[in-house]
Protein backbone atom coordinates (compact mmCIF):
# COMPACT_ATOMS: atom_id res chain seq x y z
CA MET A 1 -69.94 -13.05 -8.73
CA LEU A 2 -68.07 -16.34 -8.50
CA ARG A 3 -66.64 -15.93 -11.98
CA SER A 4 -65.37 -12.40 -11.18
CA LEU A 5 -63.73 -13.59 -7.94
CA ALA A 6 -62.06 -16.49 -9.77
CA ALA A 7 -60.78 -14.15 -12.45
CA ARG A 8 -59.27 -11.87 -9.84
CA SER A 9 -57.54 -14.67 -7.96
CA VAL A 10 -55.84 -16.12 -11.06
CA PRO A 11 -52.57 -14.22 -11.77
CA ARG A 12 -52.08 -12.85 -15.21
CA VAL A 13 -49.03 -13.99 -17.18
CA VAL A 14 -47.54 -11.22 -19.32
CA THR A 15 -45.08 -12.25 -22.02
CA LEU A 16 -42.50 -9.67 -23.05
CA THR A 17 -41.31 -9.78 -26.60
CA ARG A 18 -38.11 -8.01 -27.60
CA GLN A 19 -38.60 -5.44 -30.24
CA PRO A 20 -35.99 -4.83 -32.95
CA TRP A 21 -35.06 -1.44 -31.49
CA MET A 22 -34.31 -3.08 -28.13
CA MET A 23 -32.01 -5.57 -29.80
CA ALA A 24 -30.22 -2.76 -31.55
CA THR A 25 -29.62 -0.82 -28.34
CA ARG A 26 -28.43 -3.95 -26.56
CA SER A 27 -26.01 -4.78 -29.31
CA MET A 28 -24.74 -1.22 -29.38
CA SER A 29 -24.17 -1.16 -25.64
CA THR A 30 -22.41 -4.51 -25.42
CA THR A 31 -20.28 -4.53 -28.55
CA PRO A 32 -17.26 -2.20 -28.50
CA CYS A 33 -17.03 0.64 -30.98
CA ARG A 34 -14.49 -0.17 -33.66
CA ARG A 35 -13.36 1.97 -36.56
CA GLU A 36 -13.28 0.23 -39.88
CA GLU A 37 -10.53 2.45 -41.29
CA GLN A 38 -7.89 3.37 -38.74
CA GLU A 39 -5.85 6.52 -39.23
CA PRO A 40 -2.18 6.00 -40.02
CA VAL A 41 0.12 6.47 -37.04
CA THR A 42 2.40 9.48 -37.48
CA GLU A 43 5.32 10.72 -35.47
CA ALA A 44 4.53 13.00 -32.52
CA SER A 45 4.97 16.67 -33.44
CA ALA A 46 5.93 19.56 -31.17
CA TYR A 47 2.25 20.42 -30.65
CA PRO A 48 0.32 17.12 -30.93
CA PHE A 49 -3.17 18.62 -30.54
CA ALA A 50 -3.30 20.46 -33.88
CA LYS A 51 -1.18 19.72 -36.93
CA HIS A 52 -1.71 23.14 -38.53
CA VAL A 53 -0.15 25.01 -35.58
CA ILE A 54 3.38 26.25 -36.27
CA THR A 55 5.60 26.24 -33.19
CA ARG A 56 8.74 28.31 -32.84
CA THR A 57 11.93 27.23 -31.16
CA HIS A 58 14.25 29.68 -29.39
CA THR A 59 17.83 29.20 -28.31
CA THR A 60 18.36 30.23 -24.70
CA PRO A 61 21.72 31.84 -23.89
CA SER A 62 24.09 30.24 -21.42
CA ASN A 63 23.92 33.13 -18.93
CA THR A 64 20.14 33.24 -18.89
CA VAL A 65 18.22 34.72 -15.96
CA ARG A 66 14.93 32.91 -16.55
CA THR A 67 14.23 29.65 -14.79
CA PRO A 68 14.24 26.69 -17.21
CA VAL A 69 10.86 25.18 -18.03
CA PRO A 70 10.53 21.67 -16.52
CA GLU A 71 9.90 18.86 -18.96
CA PRO A 72 6.33 17.55 -18.48
CA LYS A 73 5.61 13.88 -18.11
CA HIS A 74 2.85 14.10 -20.72
CA PRO A 75 2.47 16.53 -23.65
CA SER A 76 -0.99 17.55 -22.41
CA ARG A 77 0.38 18.85 -19.10
CA ALA A 78 2.12 22.10 -18.24
CA ILE A 79 0.81 23.77 -21.38
CA MET A 80 0.51 27.26 -19.87
CA THR A 81 4.07 27.21 -18.52
CA ARG A 82 5.39 26.41 -21.98
CA VAL A 83 3.20 29.09 -23.57
CA ASP A 84 4.41 31.61 -20.99
CA ALA A 85 8.06 30.77 -21.69
CA GLN A 86 7.50 30.96 -25.45
CA LEU A 87 5.86 34.40 -25.21
CA ALA A 88 8.63 35.67 -22.95
CA ASN A 89 11.25 34.57 -25.47
CA GLU A 90 9.37 36.25 -28.32
CA LEU A 91 8.73 39.56 -26.54
CA ASP A 92 12.12 39.76 -24.82
CA PRO A 93 14.71 37.75 -26.79
CA ASP A 94 17.67 39.70 -25.33
CA GLU A 95 16.39 39.29 -21.74
CA LYS A 96 16.61 43.05 -21.20
CA ILE A 97 13.34 43.17 -19.27
CA ALA A 98 14.01 39.92 -17.43
CA ARG A 99 17.30 41.28 -16.08
CA LEU A 100 15.53 44.39 -14.74
CA PHE A 101 12.89 42.51 -12.74
CA SER A 102 14.35 39.06 -12.00
CA ARG A 103 15.59 38.42 -8.46
CA LYS A 104 18.46 36.33 -9.80
CA SER A 105 19.86 39.17 -11.91
CA PRO A 106 22.47 41.56 -10.44
CA ASP A 107 20.89 44.36 -12.51
CA CYS A 108 17.51 43.93 -10.80
CA ILE A 109 15.85 47.26 -9.95
CA PRO A 110 15.53 47.52 -6.15
CA PRO A 111 12.31 49.00 -4.73
CA GLY A 112 12.61 52.71 -4.02
CA SER A 113 14.56 53.47 -7.21
CA VAL A 114 13.58 56.30 -9.53
CA VAL A 115 12.54 54.87 -12.91
CA MET A 116 11.42 56.53 -16.15
CA VAL A 117 9.22 54.63 -18.62
CA GLU A 118 8.72 55.73 -22.21
CA THR A 119 5.50 54.45 -23.80
CA TYR A 120 3.95 54.79 -27.24
CA LEU A 121 0.71 56.73 -27.53
CA THR A 122 -0.60 54.96 -30.64
CA PRO A 123 -0.19 51.46 -32.10
CA ALA A 124 1.61 53.08 -35.05
CA ARG A 125 4.45 53.98 -32.63
CA THR A 126 4.93 57.46 -34.04
CA THR A 127 4.71 59.45 -30.80
CA SER A 128 5.74 58.58 -27.26
CA THR A 129 5.48 59.99 -23.77
CA ALA A 130 7.47 59.51 -20.57
CA PHE A 131 6.41 58.92 -16.98
CA SER A 132 8.87 58.88 -14.10
CA GLY A 133 8.36 57.93 -10.49
CA VAL A 134 9.50 55.82 -7.57
CA LEU A 135 9.22 52.05 -7.93
CA ILE A 136 6.95 51.02 -5.05
CA ALA A 137 5.87 47.52 -6.10
CA VAL A 138 6.72 44.71 -8.53
CA ARG A 139 4.47 41.74 -9.27
CA ARG A 140 6.47 38.95 -10.89
CA ALA A 141 4.22 36.64 -12.90
CA GLY A 142 6.13 35.71 -16.05
CA VAL A 143 4.76 37.50 -19.08
CA ALA A 144 2.15 39.21 -16.85
CA THR A 145 4.84 40.96 -14.75
CA THR A 146 3.75 44.45 -13.66
CA PHE A 147 5.32 47.28 -11.68
CA VAL A 148 3.96 50.46 -10.09
CA LEU A 149 5.53 53.93 -10.17
CA ARG A 150 4.48 56.78 -7.87
CA THR A 151 5.15 60.49 -8.21
CA ILE A 152 3.62 63.86 -7.33
CA ALA A 153 1.95 66.00 -10.00
CA HIS A 154 0.33 69.34 -9.09
CA LYS A 155 0.55 68.48 -5.36
CA LEU A 156 -1.32 65.21 -5.90
CA GLY A 157 0.00 61.67 -5.66
CA VAL A 158 -0.17 59.87 -9.01
CA GLU A 159 0.49 56.17 -9.64
CA MET A 160 0.87 54.25 -12.88
CA ARG A 161 0.95 50.49 -13.32
CA PHE A 162 2.87 49.19 -16.33
CA HIS A 163 3.08 45.73 -17.89
CA ALA A 164 6.76 44.97 -18.29
CA TYR A 165 6.34 42.88 -21.46
CA SER A 166 3.84 45.20 -23.13
CA PRO A 167 4.72 46.03 -26.77
CA MET A 168 3.61 49.63 -26.11
CA ILE A 169 6.61 50.24 -23.83
CA LYS A 170 9.45 51.88 -25.72
CA ASP A 171 12.16 51.89 -23.06
CA ILE A 172 12.68 51.55 -19.30
CA LYS A 173 15.44 53.73 -17.83
CA VAL A 174 16.75 53.66 -14.28
CA ILE A 175 17.51 57.24 -13.24
CA GLN A 176 18.85 56.45 -9.78
CA ARG A 177 19.12 53.10 -8.03
CA ALA A 178 18.22 52.66 -4.37
CA ASP A 179 21.18 50.49 -3.46
CA ALA A 180 23.21 52.81 -1.22
CA LYS A 181 23.89 51.92 2.41
CA LYS A 182 23.31 54.22 5.36
CA GLY A 183 25.73 57.11 5.46
CA SER A 184 26.73 56.77 1.79
CA PRO A 185 25.52 59.18 -0.93
CA GLY A 186 22.57 58.22 -3.09
CA LEU A 187 19.20 56.63 -2.46
CA THR A 188 19.31 54.19 0.43
CA ARG A 189 17.95 50.72 -0.10
CA THR A 190 14.68 49.78 1.57
CA ARG A 191 13.88 46.82 3.78
CA ARG A 192 10.47 46.22 2.29
CA ALA A 193 9.63 44.93 -1.15
CA LYS A 194 6.31 46.82 -1.32
CA LEU A 195 6.48 50.51 -0.40
CA TYR A 196 2.76 51.11 0.03
CA TYR A 197 3.40 53.25 3.12
CA MET A 198 4.31 56.10 0.73
CA ARG A 199 0.61 56.49 0.02
CA ARG A 200 -0.11 57.56 3.57
CA ARG A 201 2.85 59.87 4.01
CA GLU A 202 4.89 61.11 1.10
CA ASP A 203 8.55 60.17 1.25
CA ARG A 204 11.23 62.69 0.39
CA ARG A 205 12.35 60.62 -2.58
CA VAL A 206 8.88 61.00 -4.14
CA ASN A 207 9.15 64.77 -3.80
CA ALA A 208 12.63 64.70 -5.39
CA VAL A 209 11.58 62.83 -8.55
CA ALA A 210 11.22 66.00 -10.66
CA GLY A 211 14.67 67.27 -9.68
CA LEU A 212 16.32 63.93 -10.41
CA VAL A 213 14.65 63.75 -13.83
CA LYS A 214 15.91 67.25 -14.72
CA GLN A 215 19.45 66.32 -13.72
CA TYR A 216 19.27 63.10 -15.74
CA ARG A 217 18.07 64.88 -18.88
CA ALA A 218 20.68 67.62 -18.52
CA ALA A 219 23.42 64.98 -18.24
CA GLU A 220 22.07 63.21 -21.35
CA GLN A 221 22.13 66.45 -23.33
CA GLN A 222 25.74 67.05 -22.36
CA LYS A 223 26.76 63.56 -23.41
CA ALA A 224 24.94 63.76 -26.75
CA PRO A 225 26.95 65.49 -29.54
CA SER A 226 25.53 68.95 -30.30
CA ALA A 227 24.60 69.16 -33.97
CA THR A 228 23.63 72.83 -33.87
CA LYS A 229 27.10 74.27 -33.20
CA PRO A 230 28.73 73.63 -36.61
CA ALA A 231 25.65 74.94 -38.42
CA SER A 232 25.68 78.17 -36.42
CA SER A 233 29.43 78.67 -37.03
CA LYS A 234 28.95 78.28 -40.82
CA ALA A 235 26.12 80.80 -40.80
CA SER A 236 28.27 83.34 -38.93
CA LYS A 237 31.11 82.92 -41.45
CA LYS A 238 28.74 83.58 -44.38
CA LYS A 239 27.50 86.80 -42.77
CA LYS A 240 31.08 88.08 -42.36
């Protein structure tokens, strides 16, 4: 009993010996990581994150409508703004679409105008169709700019949302602009930018879309040179 009590009272001394794997981890944690062969320093390219990427440069005209892209403080910042500007320049180099939907442009389509959009039915771009309606809303978001047209088909209200920079759009034609003042002929300009109230009660301009489209097409046919008249006159001469 005395021996057991004496053994319990005496503290045990435990010696810790460092193993080789502990020395390795300590050396790895304390010593900095150094590369034996450093890569040669090259000049900074237009896109420094990947050397195989080919970037395109576009010349902006002097009378541009688009807002200039701010120069970032670091090449890793403001990447999406530069990508958005690059795509806009590629899809719309003449700024035809930008002038139709930019607030800075004098040719901007005001809300309430009657617009006709011609779109391709297939990616081969062999056939196309047209949709006309009243411009009730525009969402300006760079390349993702969209606009909504509303019309009446078979006594039902129909709306179509189009992407302005979509490659499937063939042409955007303004049939009649809503820029007339009160008392003057034409479509009067609206106070609101979003004409969603036309969904609750149909406006008279929505009901008049079909008539305006017919007048526009008739005027285009009169302006276009008729190629059938000389052929018919030659045929009549041969019969005589």
